[in-house]
Protein backbone atom coordinates (compact mmCIF):
# COMPACT_ATOMS: atom_id res chain seq x y z
CA MET A 1 -8.84 -13.42 7.12
CA PHE A 2 -6.68 -10.71 5.55
CA ARG A 3 -3.99 -13.19 4.50
CA LYS A 4 -6.66 -15.21 2.69
CA ALA A 5 -7.89 -12.03 1.05
CA LEU A 6 -4.39 -11.09 -0.13
CA ASN A 7 -3.86 -14.51 -1.67
CA LEU A 8 -7.19 -14.20 -3.45
CA TYR A 9 -6.30 -10.71 -4.70
CA SER A 10 -3.09 -12.12 -6.16
CA LYS A 11 -4.98 -14.95 -7.84
CA LEU A 12 -7.53 -12.53 -9.29
CA ALA A 13 -4.72 -10.37 -10.63
CA GLY A 14 -3.12 -13.38 -12.29
CA ASN A 15 -0.16 -13.58 -9.89
CA ASP A 16 0.75 -17.22 -9.35
CA GLU A 17 3.18 -16.22 -6.60
CA GLY A 18 0.44 -14.76 -4.42
CA GLU A 19 0.37 -17.73 -2.06
CA SER A 20 4.10 -18.12 -1.70
CA SER A 21 4.75 -14.41 -1.29
CA THR A 22 2.67 -14.27 1.91
CA ARG A 23 3.78 -17.46 3.65
CA SER A 24 5.35 -17.37 7.10
CA VAL A 25 9.12 -17.11 6.99
CA ASN A 26 11.74 -18.66 9.26
CA PRO A 27 14.07 -15.79 10.27
CA SER A 28 17.13 -18.05 10.23
CA LYS A 29 16.49 -18.85 6.57
CA VAL A 30 16.21 -15.17 5.74
CA LEU A 31 19.82 -14.65 6.77
CA SER A 32 21.13 -16.51 3.74
CA SER A 33 19.62 -13.86 1.48
CA MET A 34 20.69 -10.97 3.71
CA SER A 35 24.14 -9.92 4.84
CA ALA A 36 25.87 -12.31 7.25
CA ALA A 37 24.82 -12.56 10.87
CA VAL A 38 27.15 -10.81 13.28
CA ASP A 39 27.94 -11.34 16.95
CA GLY A 40 25.72 -14.35 17.42
CA ASP A 41 22.34 -15.62 16.33
CA ASN A 42 20.38 -12.62 17.58
CA LYS A 43 22.03 -9.94 15.42
CA TRP A 44 21.67 -9.39 11.70
CA LYS A 45 23.40 -6.96 9.35
CA LEU A 46 20.66 -5.40 7.24
CA THR A 47 22.53 -3.04 4.96
CA ASN A 48 25.84 -1.28 4.67
CA ILE A 49 25.60 2.31 5.85
CA GLY A 50 28.78 2.74 3.84
CA GLY A 51 26.41 2.99 0.86
CA ILE A 52 25.93 6.59 1.92
CA GLY A 53 27.94 8.66 -0.50
CA SER A 54 27.65 6.13 -3.34
CA ASP A 55 26.52 7.29 -6.78
CA GLU A 56 23.05 5.87 -6.11
CA ASP A 57 22.80 7.71 -2.81
CA LYS A 58 24.06 10.97 -4.33
CA ASN A 59 21.48 10.73 -7.14
CA LEU A 60 18.68 10.20 -4.63
CA ARG A 61 19.84 13.18 -2.58
CA GLU A 62 20.03 15.40 -5.65
CA GLN A 63 16.55 14.35 -6.74
CA ALA A 64 15.24 14.93 -3.22
CA ALA A 65 16.73 18.43 -3.14
CA GLU A 66 15.41 19.29 -6.62
CA SER A 67 11.93 18.02 -5.67
CA GLU A 68 11.54 19.99 -2.45
CA THR A 69 9.24 22.46 -4.21
CA GLN A 70 6.74 19.62 -4.71
CA PHE A 71 6.30 19.48 -0.92
CA GLU A 72 5.95 23.20 -0.29
CA GLY A 73 2.97 23.82 1.97
CA ALA A 74 2.50 20.11 2.66
CA GLY A 75 0.37 19.46 5.72
CA GLN A 76 -0.51 23.12 6.28
CA SER A 77 -4.27 22.68 5.90
CA PRO A 78 -6.70 19.84 6.68
CA GLY A 79 -7.27 17.26 3.95
CA ILE A 80 -5.50 14.67 1.84
CA GLU A 81 -2.44 15.27 -0.34
CA ILE A 82 -1.13 12.67 -2.79
CA TRP A 83 2.18 12.40 -4.64
CA ARG A 84 2.97 9.78 -7.27
CA ILE A 85 6.62 8.88 -7.87
CA GLU A 86 7.24 9.45 -11.57
CA LYS A 87 10.72 8.68 -12.88
CA PHE A 88 12.01 9.05 -9.31
CA THR A 89 10.39 12.46 -8.95
CA PRO A 90 7.29 13.20 -6.83
CA GLN A 91 4.36 14.60 -8.79
CA LYS A 92 1.43 15.99 -6.82
CA GLN A 93 -1.93 14.47 -7.77
CA ASP A 94 -5.48 15.73 -7.50
CA ALA A 95 -7.53 14.04 -4.78
CA LEU A 96 -10.89 13.78 -6.55
CA ALA A 97 -14.25 13.01 -4.90
CA ASP A 98 -12.78 10.65 -2.28
CA ASN A 99 -11.96 8.14 -5.02
CA LEU A 100 -8.33 7.02 -5.29
CA SER A 101 -6.77 5.35 -8.34
CA LEU A 102 -3.49 3.46 -7.84
CA TYR A 103 -1.29 1.79 -10.43
CA SER A 104 0.54 -1.41 -9.50
CA GLY A 105 3.72 -0.26 -11.26
CA ASP A 106 4.01 2.96 -9.22
CA ALA A 107 4.69 4.15 -5.68
CA TYR A 108 2.73 6.88 -3.89
CA ILE A 109 2.90 9.08 -0.81
CA ILE A 110 -0.38 10.04 0.87
CA LEU A 111 -0.50 12.67 3.64
CA LYS A 112 -3.62 13.04 5.79
CA THR A 113 -3.84 16.27 7.81
CA THR A 114 -6.45 16.60 10.58
CA GLU A 115 -7.15 19.66 12.71
CA LEU A 116 -7.68 18.72 16.35
CA GLU A 117 -9.99 20.52 18.80
CA SER A 118 -6.92 22.26 20.21
CA GLY A 119 -6.30 23.84 16.81
CA GLU A 120 -3.11 21.82 16.32
CA TYR A 121 -2.63 19.52 13.36
CA GLU A 122 -2.22 15.75 13.43
CA TRP A 123 -0.54 14.02 10.47
CA HIS A 124 -0.57 10.47 9.16
CA LEU A 125 1.91 9.84 6.36
CA HIS A 126 1.38 6.74 4.18
CA TYR A 127 3.97 5.31 1.81
CA TRP A 128 2.22 3.02 -0.74
CA ILE A 129 4.16 0.46 -2.79
CA GLY A 130 2.61 -1.09 -5.90
CA LYS A 131 3.17 -4.81 -6.34
CA ASP A 132 4.96 -4.20 -9.66
CA SER A 133 6.92 -1.08 -8.70
CA THR A 134 10.70 -1.24 -8.97
CA LYS A 135 13.12 -1.19 -6.07
CA ASP A 136 14.42 2.18 -7.27
CA GLU A 137 10.91 3.67 -7.24
CA SER A 138 10.13 2.38 -3.76
CA GLY A 139 13.55 3.55 -2.58
CA SER A 140 13.01 7.09 -3.84
CA ALA A 141 9.50 7.10 -2.31
CA ALA A 142 11.08 6.13 1.03
CA TYR A 143 13.53 9.01 0.72
CA PHE A 144 10.75 11.51 -0.02
CA THR A 145 8.68 10.18 2.89
CA VAL A 146 11.58 10.89 5.25
CA ASN A 147 11.85 14.38 3.71
CA ILE A 148 8.18 15.18 4.40
CA ASP A 149 8.55 13.83 7.93
CA ASP A 150 11.48 16.19 8.50
CA LEU A 151 9.58 19.14 7.00
CA LEU A 152 6.84 18.52 9.58
CA ASN A 153 9.38 18.20 12.42
CA GLN A 154 9.04 14.42 12.78
CA LYS A 155 5.43 14.80 13.94
CA PRO A 156 3.64 12.52 11.40
CA VAL A 157 2.84 8.93 12.29
CA GLN A 158 4.10 6.99 9.27
CA HIS A 159 2.60 3.85 7.73
CA ARG A 160 4.07 1.46 5.19
CA GLU A 161 1.31 0.31 2.83
CA LEU A 162 1.70 -2.61 0.41
CA GLN A 163 -0.81 -3.16 -2.39
CA TYR A 164 -3.81 -5.23 -1.23
CA SER A 165 -2.54 -5.17 2.40
CA GLU A 166 -3.34 -1.56 3.26
CA THR A 167 -4.42 -0.56 6.74
CA LYS A 168 -8.00 0.14 7.71
CA ARG A 169 -6.96 3.74 8.39
CA PHE A 170 -5.72 4.12 4.82
CA HIS A 171 -9.00 2.90 3.32
CA SER A 172 -11.04 5.05 5.68
CA TYR A 173 -9.89 8.15 3.77
CA PHE A 174 -11.57 7.12 0.52
CA ARG A 175 -15.00 6.04 -0.67
CA SER A 176 -13.33 3.77 -3.22
CA VAL A 177 -9.85 2.61 -4.20
CA THR A 178 -9.14 1.51 -7.78
CA TYR A 179 -6.20 -0.77 -8.58
CA LEU A 180 -5.01 -0.78 -12.20
CA ASP A 181 -2.21 -2.70 -13.88
CA GLY A 182 0.88 -0.91 -15.15
CA GLY A 183 1.80 2.69 -14.43
CA MET A 184 0.04 6.03 -14.71
CA ASP A 185 0.51 6.02 -18.49
CA SER A 186 -1.90 3.08 -18.73
CA GLY A 187 -4.89 5.05 -17.38
CA PHE A 188 -8.25 5.76 -19.03
CA LYS A 189 -6.72 7.81 -21.83
CA SER A 190 -7.84 8.36 -25.42
CA VAL A 191 -7.88 5.20 -27.48
CA GLU A 192 -7.65 4.00 -31.04
CA PRO A 193 -10.18 1.18 -31.52
CA GLU A 194 -7.88 -0.95 -33.65
CA VAL A 195 -5.08 -0.98 -31.08
CA TYR A 196 -6.94 -0.80 -27.75
CA LYS A 197 -6.51 -3.77 -25.44
CA PRO A 198 -9.75 -4.59 -23.55
CA ARG A 199 -9.71 -4.86 -19.78
CA LEU A 200 -12.08 -6.14 -17.12
CA LEU A 201 -12.66 -4.33 -13.81
CA ARG A 202 -14.39 -5.76 -10.76
CA MET A 203 -16.14 -3.57 -8.17
CA THR A 204 -16.53 -5.17 -4.75
CA GLY A 205 -17.38 -3.75 -1.34
CA ILE A 206 -15.12 -4.45 1.63
CA GLY A 207 -16.21 -2.70 4.80
CA GLN A 208 -17.16 0.87 3.92
CA THR A 209 -14.83 1.06 0.91
CA ILE A 210 -15.39 -0.07 -2.67
CA ARG A 211 -12.31 -1.76 -4.11
CA VAL A 212 -11.94 -1.71 -7.89
CA LEU A 213 -9.66 -4.44 -9.21
CA GLN A 214 -8.39 -5.10 -12.69
CA VAL A 215 -8.93 -8.85 -13.12
CA PRO A 216 -7.97 -11.30 -15.89
CA LEU A 217 -10.00 -10.90 -19.10
CA GLU A 218 -11.64 -14.28 -18.58
CA ALA A 219 -15.19 -15.49 -17.99
CA SER A 220 -14.02 -17.15 -14.77
CA SER A 221 -13.42 -13.66 -13.28
CA LEU A 222 -17.18 -13.01 -13.24
CA ASN A 223 -19.54 -13.80 -10.35
CA ASN A 224 -23.13 -13.19 -9.26
CA GLY A 225 -22.38 -10.71 -6.48
CA ASP A 226 -20.33 -7.81 -7.88
CA VAL A 227 -20.34 -5.21 -10.65
CA PHE A 228 -18.01 -5.48 -13.63
CA ILE A 229 -16.88 -3.08 -16.33
CA LEU A 230 -15.70 -4.58 -19.61
CA ASP A 231 -13.83 -1.72 -21.26
CA ASN A 232 -13.40 -2.24 -25.00
CA GLY A 233 -12.30 1.24 -25.93
CA LEU A 234 -15.27 2.83 -27.69
CA THR A 235 -17.78 0.34 -26.28
CA VAL A 236 -18.03 -0.09 -22.52
CA TYR A 237 -20.19 -2.75 -20.85
CA GLN A 238 -21.35 -2.39 -17.25
CA PHE A 239 -22.58 -5.71 -15.91
CA ASN A 240 -24.58 -5.48 -12.66
CA ALA A 241 -24.65 -8.99 -11.24
CA PRO A 242 -27.90 -10.10 -9.56
CA ASN A 243 -26.57 -9.71 -6.00
CA ALA A 244 -24.50 -6.56 -6.51
CA ASN A 245 -25.18 -3.70 -4.08
CA HIS A 246 -26.07 -0.09 -4.77
CA ASN A 247 -22.64 1.32 -3.87
CA GLU A 248 -20.89 -0.99 -6.31
CA ARG A 249 -23.28 0.01 -9.11
CA ARG A 250 -22.83 3.70 -8.35
CA ARG A 251 -19.03 3.47 -8.36
CA ALA A 252 -19.07 1.61 -11.68
CA MET A 253 -21.22 4.33 -13.23
CA GLU A 254 -18.84 7.00 -11.90
CA ILE A 255 -15.86 5.27 -13.51
CA VAL A 256 -17.64 5.06 -16.85
CA GLN A 257 -19.03 8.60 -16.83
CA GLN A 258 -16.30 10.54 -14.99
CA ASP A 259 -13.18 8.65 -16.01
CA ILE A 260 -13.62 6.69 -19.23
CA ARG A 261 -16.07 8.86 -21.19
CA VAL A 262 -14.60 12.20 -20.09
CA GLN A 263 -11.04 11.22 -20.97
CA ARG A 264 -12.23 9.91 -24.36
CA ASP A 265 -14.23 13.02 -25.24
CA GLY A 266 -17.57 11.30 -24.60
CA GLN A 267 -17.08 8.85 -27.46
CA PRO A 268 -17.59 5.45 -25.79
CA GLU A 269 -21.04 3.88 -25.97
CA LEU A 270 -22.24 2.53 -22.62
CA ILE A 271 -24.20 -0.72 -22.56
CA ILE A 272 -25.71 -1.68 -19.18
CA LEU A 273 -26.48 -5.34 -18.55
CA ASP A 274 -28.57 -6.18 -15.47
CA GLY A 275 -28.63 -9.69 -14.05
CA GLU A 276 -29.68 -12.37 -16.53
CA GLU A 277 -29.35 -9.94 -19.47
CA ILE A 278 -25.67 -10.87 -19.54
CA PHE A 279 -26.48 -14.22 -21.17
CA GLU A 280 -28.22 -12.51 -24.10
CA CYS A 281 -25.27 -10.28 -25.08
CA ASP A 282 -23.03 -12.28 -27.42
CA GLU A 283 -20.82 -9.23 -28.05
CA PHE A 284 -19.88 -9.21 -24.35
CA TRP A 285 -18.88 -12.87 -24.28
CA ALA A 286 -16.96 -12.56 -27.56
CA LEU A 287 -14.40 -10.42 -25.70
CA LEU A 288 -13.83 -13.17 -23.13
CA ASP A 289 -12.39 -16.67 -23.50
CA GLU A 290 -15.72 -18.51 -23.13
CA LYS A 291 -19.42 -18.07 -22.39
CA LEU A 292 -20.77 -19.24 -19.04
CA SER A 293 -24.13 -20.93 -18.58
CA GLU A 294 -24.38 -19.69 -14.99
CA LEU A 295 -22.48 -17.33 -12.72
CA PRO A 296 -20.52 -18.62 -9.71
CA ASP A 297 -21.02 -17.17 -6.24
CA ALA A 298 -18.86 -14.19 -5.35
CA GLU A 299 -15.76 -15.12 -3.37
CA SER A 300 -15.21 -12.72 -0.49
CA LEU A 301 -12.02 -10.68 -0.44
CA GLY A 302 -12.31 -10.25 3.30
CA ASP A 303 -13.42 -7.28 5.37
CA ASP A 304 -11.94 -4.41 7.35
CA ASP A 305 -12.49 -5.94 10.76
CA GLY A 306 -9.30 -6.16 12.78
CA THR A 307 -6.84 -4.93 10.16
CA ASP A 308 -5.50 -2.24 12.50
CA ASP A 309 -6.55 -3.81 15.80
CA VAL A 310 -3.72 -5.01 18.03
CA ASP A 311 -3.78 -7.56 20.83
CA PHE A 312 -1.35 -5.80 23.17
CA THR A 313 -1.28 -8.87 25.45
CA ALA A 314 0.28 -10.99 22.68
CA PRO A 315 3.95 -12.06 22.96
CA LYS A 316 6.39 -9.34 21.90
CA LYS A 317 9.90 -9.14 20.52
CA LEU A 318 11.99 -6.01 21.00
CA PHE A 319 14.72 -5.23 18.47
CA ARG A 320 17.37 -2.53 18.45
CA ILE A 321 18.42 -1.09 15.07
CA SER A 322 21.74 0.75 15.21
CA ASP A 323 24.62 1.70 12.92
CA GLU A 324 27.37 -0.30 14.60
CA SER A 325 30.67 -0.33 12.67
CA GLY A 326 29.17 1.44 9.67
CA SER A 327 26.44 -1.14 9.12
CA LEU A 328 22.79 -1.20 10.07
CA ILE A 329 22.48 -3.91 12.73
CA LEU A 330 19.23 -5.50 13.91
CA SER A 331 19.60 -7.16 17.31
CA LEU A 332 17.02 -9.00 19.40
CA GLU A 333 17.10 -7.31 22.81
CA LYS A 334 14.15 -8.88 24.59
CA GLU A 335 11.52 -11.53 23.97
CA ASP A 336 8.76 -11.36 26.53
CA ASP A 337 5.06 -10.66 27.09
CA THR A 338 6.00 -7.60 29.13
CA LEU A 339 8.09 -4.64 28.03
CA SER A 340 9.02 -1.46 29.86
CA GLU A 341 9.84 1.93 28.38
CA SER A 342 13.10 1.70 30.31
CA ASP A 343 14.09 -1.06 27.85
CA ILE A 344 14.66 1.53 25.10
CA ASP A 345 16.61 4.78 24.65
CA ASN A 346 16.67 7.62 22.14
CA ASP A 347 20.07 6.85 20.62
CA ASP A 348 18.82 4.20 18.19
CA ILE A 349 15.80 2.97 16.28
CA TRP A 350 13.63 0.32 17.96
CA ALA A 351 11.19 -2.20 16.55
CA ILE A 352 8.56 -4.22 18.38
CA ALA A 353 6.91 -7.23 16.76
CA CYS A 354 3.49 -7.87 18.29
CA ASP A 355 0.38 -9.68 17.06
CA GLY A 356 1.73 -10.02 13.50
CA LYS A 357 2.44 -6.29 13.23
CA CYS A 358 5.54 -4.13 13.52
CA PHE A 359 5.95 -0.83 15.37
CA ILE A 360 9.13 1.17 14.84
CA TYR A 361 10.24 4.00 17.11
CA ILE A 362 12.68 6.58 15.72
CA GLY A 363 14.98 7.75 18.53
CA GLU A 364 15.54 11.48 18.93
CA ARG A 365 19.25 11.20 18.21
CA THR A 366 18.75 9.13 15.06
CA ASN A 367 20.07 10.83 11.94
CA LYS A 368 18.33 11.16 8.59
CA ASP A 369 20.54 8.54 6.92
CA GLU A 370 19.57 5.90 9.49
CA LYS A 371 15.87 6.73 9.08
CA PHE A 372 16.07 6.40 5.32
CA TYR A 373 17.87 3.06 5.44
CA VAL A 374 15.38 1.68 7.95
CA TRP A 375 12.52 2.68 5.65
CA ASN A 376 14.29 1.13 2.68
CA SER A 377 15.21 -2.04 4.60
CA CYS A 378 11.76 -2.55 6.08
CA SER A 379 11.17 -5.89 4.31
CA SER A 380 14.40 -7.31 5.72
CA ILE A 381 13.55 -6.08 9.20
CA LEU A 382 10.13 -7.72 9.09
CA LEU A 383 11.47 -11.04 7.84
CA ALA A 384 14.29 -11.14 10.39
CA ALA A 385 11.74 -10.35 13.11
CA GLY A 386 9.72 -13.41 12.08
CA LEU A 387 6.92 -11.39 10.48
CA GLU A 388 5.50 -11.54 7.00
CA GLU A 389 6.95 -9.12 4.47
CA ASP A 390 3.64 -7.29 4.13
CA ALA A 391 2.99 -7.03 7.88
CA PRO A 392 1.36 -3.71 8.85
CA THR A 393 4.20 -1.38 9.89
CA THR A 394 3.87 1.91 11.77
CA PHE A 395 6.67 4.43 12.42
CA VAL A 396 6.53 6.90 15.32
CA SER A 397 8.86 9.37 17.02
CA LYS A 398 8.75 11.23 20.32
CA GLN A 399 7.26 14.24 18.49
CA SER A 400 4.41 12.26 16.88
CA ASP A 401 1.29 10.64 18.32
CA VAL A 402 2.75 7.74 20.31
CA SER A 403 -0.52 6.53 21.87
CA VAL A 404 -0.39 3.13 20.15
CA TRP A 405 3.35 2.75 20.82
CA ASN A 406 2.82 3.44 24.54
CA GLN A 407 0.25 0.64 24.77
CA LEU A 408 2.98 -1.87 23.93
CA PHE A 409 4.54 -1.30 27.34
CA ASN A 410 3.28 -2.46 30.70
CA ASN A 411 4.18 0.65 32.68
């Protein structure tokens, strides 16, 4: 279900590679695009640890050190904290009214702090990668994520989140999540009518969360089940389709009133079109490529059911990730329905592929460099493990909540 939804998201966003980017991958074919296999078919060289000390690595370390003030006090009180990576520097964002806006050209770090009945804190650290973000941006976000984890003594459970493939846990934090093209600079800022480029937003409910998607400025993007905002700078149209629900309508109104109008000093005129009124507004259709005579049914983007659920009885693969001979080596240690905790140790990093998901355990004696390179090489690890590149990935350590990790073992 979620794979279908991701492909549809990509199509709606005008990405022709959506289908191919989520197909199943043969691990043996991945090797040709990675470093050479070593010591047999069950070991792969992921990256050269010798990169530590390179100019790129030094720059990242310097930026990380200079940015430590951005993380002061992180996780010291219950709530959500958000950092956007701007020019390889983390910038703390305001978490407003449970509504999150994300830009496809950026990377973000989201920290959720919860106070338990014991008075202790529990942390979940999410590293979000926009579909159009650069490798450098995602790499620096990985570095900062490791930094926050160290600041909190390796206690956070960490989650890798790819745009449109986020976990159910991630979406549970927010009433709505808005996806916009470009970077932060392309937000709902002041506009000049003669130069403003119109955009079309779609509000659709998935589970308990409203997703707001920027879709192609085409009549074919419309349907009879969602709410749409056609933003033309100083004129904004809100189209409430006949079968749209109350939550979608409310979120659309919030975007218009709290985001668009506020940031443009209240100038935009709002025109609300309910149901069949859409066919009487020629100005609306003039901004699109054609006028429809009827609206198609809404195509579902999926739901939240099962996104984080794991079938622990499914076949498993156990991989060791170690820095043999100065390189990060992924080796298949065991392939079986049953695993025992005695199969692993604390000297290395371990990954278990189960039920289309990946769980990575950070051994106690793993150093910071290894942790960073595992985060930054996550796509290669997933592909070599026979998983999809956007497979849900969770990182744990002995100090963090390992309840899900422990369920992967039979003892």
